[in-house]
């Protein structure tokens, strides 16, 4: 894929200390070496970072922006597996397992993403205990999130899942400066793809939440105005 322009090269020593990153455990010398073994690319909204079944070339680290990981079911419907933000890493499962990607990574907004060379990262992880432990922690956290999502999909009704999805978006991306508006804009279809339901059901339930004064809808922006009621609606199990 060709890109119109690239994000200016950002030093790892600045990036790792500015945002939550597994590379924050590295010392200055190691960060300088990491900086020499990466390439950075700018992606526009809707562009694909990597595709399902492709072979990994390295470890992707999100410098800035938001990305969705998706797969397509037998019925052709997209399913959002995970939502990620700046500081997160992508493609580590396939890299560590020497396997192909099991999903697509697509930019939800303008993103700057760095690709760390495959062989350099594997050697660094194998020789650095702190980085190895940070990687284990990241894998464990993502596995926990995936397990919780599976439980939600299998045991909760659609109303509860939509409410829980809004709480998850808030937990992942936080609020805008007003302290109420979720700091990510997803289409109704994307919310449905994450919840595992139809777009029509998502539209109806969001409208009901709006009428009940739980949220306010402003285009793709969603403002939570009654957090306690939203939590009760989600029927949180953990």
Protein backbone atom coordinates (compact mmCIF):
# COMPACT_ATOMS: atom_id res chain seq x y z
CA UNK A 1 0.00 0.00 0.00
CA UNK A 2 1.25 3.49 -0.82
CA UNK A 3 0.90 6.40 1.61
CA UNK A 4 0.67 10.08 0.82
CA UNK A 5 3.20 11.12 3.45
CA UNK A 6 4.96 9.88 6.53
CA UNK A 7 4.87 11.16 10.09
CA UNK A 8 8.11 12.87 11.14
CA UNK A 9 10.51 10.37 12.75
CA UNK A 10 9.87 10.41 16.51
CA UNK A 11 12.65 9.40 18.88
CA UNK A 12 11.86 6.30 20.96
CA UNK A 13 13.49 7.85 24.01
CA UNK A 14 10.84 10.59 23.94
CA UNK A 15 7.90 8.40 22.94
CA UNK A 16 8.44 5.60 25.48
CA UNK A 17 8.56 8.01 28.40
CA UNK A 18 5.63 10.14 27.22
CA UNK A 19 3.02 7.37 26.86
CA UNK A 20 2.33 3.98 28.40
CA UNK A 21 4.51 1.54 26.48
CA UNK A 22 6.22 -1.79 27.06
CA UNK A 23 9.41 -0.03 25.92
CA UNK A 24 9.32 2.28 28.95
CA UNK A 25 11.39 -0.38 30.77
CA UNK A 26 14.36 0.14 28.42
CA UNK A 27 17.29 2.38 29.32
CA UNK A 28 18.46 5.29 27.16
CA UNK A 29 21.05 3.24 25.25
CA UNK A 30 18.53 0.51 24.43
CA UNK A 31 15.96 3.09 23.29
CA UNK A 32 18.50 4.65 20.95
CA UNK A 33 19.17 1.19 19.46
CA UNK A 34 15.42 0.59 19.17
CA UNK A 35 15.12 3.90 17.34
CA UNK A 36 17.61 2.70 14.72
CA UNK A 37 15.62 -0.48 14.07
CA UNK A 38 12.17 0.93 13.30
CA UNK A 39 10.29 2.71 10.55
CA UNK A 40 7.37 5.08 11.12
CA UNK A 41 4.36 5.52 8.86
CA UNK A 42 1.33 7.78 8.83
CA UNK A 43 -2.10 6.23 8.16
CA UNK A 44 -5.29 8.06 7.29
CA UNK A 45 -8.68 7.10 8.70
CA UNK A 46 -9.88 3.85 7.12
CA UNK A 47 -6.45 2.73 5.92
CA UNK A 48 -5.25 -0.78 6.72
CA UNK A 49 -2.10 -1.26 8.82
CA UNK A 50 -1.95 -5.03 8.23
CA UNK A 51 -4.29 -7.65 6.81
CA UNK A 52 -5.54 -11.05 7.93
CA UNK A 53 -3.31 -13.98 6.83
CA UNK A 54 -0.32 -11.74 6.08
CA UNK A 55 3.08 -12.67 7.53
CA UNK A 56 4.40 -10.36 10.28
CA UNK A 57 7.39 -8.20 9.43
CA UNK A 58 7.85 -6.83 12.93
CA UNK A 59 6.11 -5.37 15.96
CA UNK A 60 3.74 -2.45 15.44
CA UNK A 61 3.73 0.26 18.12
CA UNK A 62 1.07 2.99 17.99
CA UNK A 63 2.65 6.40 18.31
CA UNK A 64 -0.66 8.25 18.10
CA UNK A 65 -4.24 7.51 17.06
CA UNK A 66 -6.84 4.77 17.48
CA UNK A 67 -7.07 1.43 15.64
CA UNK A 68 -9.58 -1.43 15.44
CA UNK A 69 -8.70 -5.10 15.00
CA UNK A 70 -11.33 -6.92 12.93
CA UNK A 71 -12.15 -10.22 11.30
CA UNK A 72 -14.94 -11.31 8.96
CA UNK A 73 -17.40 -14.05 9.88
CA UNK A 74 -18.81 -16.75 7.61
CA UNK A 75 -21.84 -14.53 6.99
CA UNK A 76 -19.57 -11.74 5.72
CA UNK A 77 -20.22 -9.52 8.74
CA UNK A 78 -17.29 -7.73 10.34
CA UNK A 79 -16.52 -8.44 14.00
CA UNK A 80 -14.37 -6.02 15.99
CA UNK A 81 -12.07 -8.08 18.19
CA UNK A 82 -10.21 -5.33 19.96
CA UNK A 83 -9.82 -1.56 20.10
CA UNK A 84 -6.39 -0.04 20.73
CA UNK A 85 -4.83 3.36 21.33
CA UNK A 86 -1.49 5.16 21.48
CA UNK A 87 1.16 3.25 23.40
CA UNK A 88 -0.34 -0.13 22.50
CA UNK A 89 1.46 -2.75 20.44
CA UNK A 90 0.00 -4.78 17.57
CA UNK A 91 0.86 -8.06 15.92
CA UNK A 92 2.81 -9.48 18.84
CA UNK A 93 0.87 -12.77 18.94
CA UNK A 94 1.66 -13.65 15.33
CA UNK A 95 5.24 -12.46 15.76
CA UNK A 96 5.90 -14.58 18.85
CA UNK A 97 4.10 -17.63 17.43
CA UNK A 98 5.72 -17.25 13.98
CA UNK A 99 2.21 -17.32 12.57
CA UNK A 100 0.11 -15.28 10.14
CA UNK A 101 -2.09 -12.43 11.33
CA UNK A 102 -5.53 -13.65 12.41
CA UNK A 103 -7.20 -10.26 11.90
CA UNK A 104 -7.04 -6.89 10.13
CA UNK A 105 -5.80 -3.67 11.73
CA UNK A 106 -7.61 -0.57 10.46
CA UNK A 107 -7.14 3.08 11.47
CA UNK A 108 -10.18 4.64 13.16
CA UNK A 109 -8.60 8.07 12.77
CA UNK A 110 -5.31 9.56 11.60
CA UNK A 111 -2.54 7.44 13.12
CA UNK A 112 1.23 7.37 13.39
CA UNK A 113 2.52 3.81 13.72
CA UNK A 114 6.08 2.52 14.10
CA UNK A 115 7.19 -0.91 12.88
CA UNK A 116 10.04 -2.42 14.91
CA UNK A 117 12.18 -4.87 12.93
CA UNK A 118 11.16 -8.47 13.60
CA UNK A 119 14.61 -9.96 14.22
CA UNK A 120 15.77 -7.02 16.34
CA UNK A 121 12.68 -7.19 18.56
CA UNK A 122 12.91 -10.95 19.06
CA UNK A 123 16.57 -10.69 20.07
CA UNK A 124 15.84 -7.75 22.37
CA UNK A 125 12.92 -9.51 24.08
CA UNK A 126 14.98 -12.69 24.54
CA UNK A 127 17.90 -10.82 26.14
CA UNK A 128 16.00 -8.28 28.27
CA UNK A 129 14.15 -9.66 31.28
CA UNK A 130 12.29 -6.42 32.02
CA UNK A 131 10.99 -6.17 28.46
CA UNK A 132 10.07 -9.85 28.49
CA UNK A 133 8.04 -9.38 31.70
CA UNK A 134 6.35 -6.26 30.29
CA UNK A 135 5.40 -8.30 27.23
CA UNK A 136 3.98 -11.09 29.41
CA UNK A 137 1.94 -8.53 31.34
CA UNK A 138 0.58 -7.05 28.10
CA UNK A 139 -0.39 -10.49 26.80
CA UNK A 140 -2.12 -11.31 30.09
CA UNK A 141 -4.07 -8.05 30.11
CA UNK A 142 -5.24 -8.51 26.52
CA UNK A 143 -6.21 -12.13 27.22
CA UNK A 144 -8.26 -11.04 30.23
CA UNK A 145 -10.04 -8.40 28.13
CA UNK A 146 -10.78 -10.96 25.41
CA UNK A 147 -12.16 -13.45 27.95
CA UNK A 148 -14.41 -10.80 29.49
CA UNK A 149 -15.70 -9.88 26.04
CA UNK A 150 -16.48 -13.54 25.28
CA UNK A 151 -18.44 -13.83 28.55
CA UNK A 152 -20.36 -10.68 27.70
CA UNK A 153 -21.24 -11.91 24.21
CA UNK A 154 -22.39 -15.31 25.46
CA UNK A 155 -24.25 -14.41 28.67
CA UNK A 156 -25.63 -10.88 28.31
CA UNK A 157 -28.56 -9.57 26.30
CA UNK A 158 -28.01 -6.95 23.62
CA UNK A 159 -29.13 -4.04 25.82
CA UNK A 160 -26.55 -4.96 28.46
CA UNK A 161 -23.84 -5.45 25.84
CA UNK A 162 -24.40 -2.04 24.26
CA UNK A 163 -24.23 -0.36 27.67
CA UNK A 164 -21.08 -2.31 28.52
CA UNK A 165 -19.53 -1.36 25.18
CA UNK A 166 -19.95 2.34 26.00
CA UNK A 167 -18.26 1.80 29.37
CA UNK A 168 -15.45 -0.09 27.64
CA UNK A 169 -14.94 2.75 25.15
CA UNK A 170 -14.72 5.20 28.03
CA UNK A 171 -12.25 2.96 29.91
CA UNK A 172 -10.10 2.60 26.78
CA UNK A 173 -10.11 6.13 25.39
CA UNK A 174 -11.29 8.28 28.29
CA UNK A 175 -13.35 11.44 28.03
CA UNK A 176 -12.87 14.62 26.05
CA UNK A 177 -12.17 17.86 27.94
CA UNK A 178 -15.82 18.17 29.04
CA UNK A 179 -15.42 15.06 31.21
CA UNK A 180 -18.51 13.38 29.67
CA UNK A 181 -18.00 12.84 25.93
CA UNK A 182 -16.26 9.56 25.05
CA UNK A 183 -12.98 10.35 23.30
CA UNK A 184 -13.53 8.18 20.21
CA UNK A 185 -16.00 8.39 17.34
CA UNK A 186 -17.38 5.10 16.04
CA UNK A 187 -20.15 4.64 13.53
CA UNK A 188 -23.31 2.85 14.66
CA UNK A 189 -22.20 -0.07 12.49
CA UNK A 190 -18.81 -0.23 14.22
CA UNK A 191 -20.43 -0.25 17.66
CA UNK A 192 -22.70 -3.07 16.44
CA UNK A 193 -19.65 -4.97 15.12
CA UNK A 194 -18.01 -4.71 18.53
CA UNK A 195 -21.16 -5.69 20.44
CA UNK A 196 -22.00 -8.54 18.07
CA UNK A 197 -25.45 -7.43 17.01
CA UNK A 198 -27.22 -5.71 14.12
CA UNK A 199 -26.79 -2.04 13.30
CA UNK A 200 -30.56 -1.59 13.62
CA UNK A 201 -30.57 -2.93 17.20
CA UNK A 202 -27.66 -0.67 18.12
CA UNK A 203 -29.37 2.41 16.71
CA UNK A 204 -32.59 1.57 18.59
CA UNK A 205 -30.85 0.97 21.92
CA UNK A 206 -28.71 4.10 21.71
CA UNK A 207 -31.88 6.05 21.00
CA UNK A 208 -33.53 4.47 24.06
CA UNK A 209 -30.51 5.36 26.24
CA UNK A 210 -30.74 8.90 24.89
CA UNK A 211 -34.45 9.14 25.71
CA UNK A 212 -33.81 7.74 29.20
CA UNK A 213 -31.22 10.51 29.80
CA UNK A 214 -28.41 7.99 30.24
CA UNK A 215 -26.46 9.37 27.28
CA UNK A 216 -26.69 12.22 24.79
CA UNK A 217 -26.05 11.65 21.10
CA UNK A 218 -24.35 14.30 18.97
CA UNK A 219 -23.69 12.65 15.62
CA UNK A 220 -20.98 10.04 16.25
CA UNK A 221 -20.12 11.64 19.57
CA UNK A 222 -21.62 10.03 22.67
CA UNK A 223 -21.84 11.86 25.99
CA UNK A 224 -22.45 9.86 29.17
CA UNK A 225 -24.71 11.94 31.43
CA UNK A 226 -25.75 9.27 33.96
CA UNK A 227 -22.76 7.00 34.58
CA UNK A 228 -24.37 5.09 37.47
CA UNK A 229 -27.43 4.23 35.42
CA UNK A 230 -25.26 3.11 32.51
CA UNK A 231 -23.34 0.77 34.84
CA UNK A 232 -26.59 -0.69 36.16
CA UNK A 233 -27.86 -1.18 32.61
CA UNK A 234 -24.63 -2.99 31.70
CA UNK A 235 -25.11 -5.40 34.62
CA UNK A 236 -21.37 -5.65 35.16
CA UNK A 237 -20.20 -9.09 36.27
CA UNK A 238 -16.60 -8.22 37.17
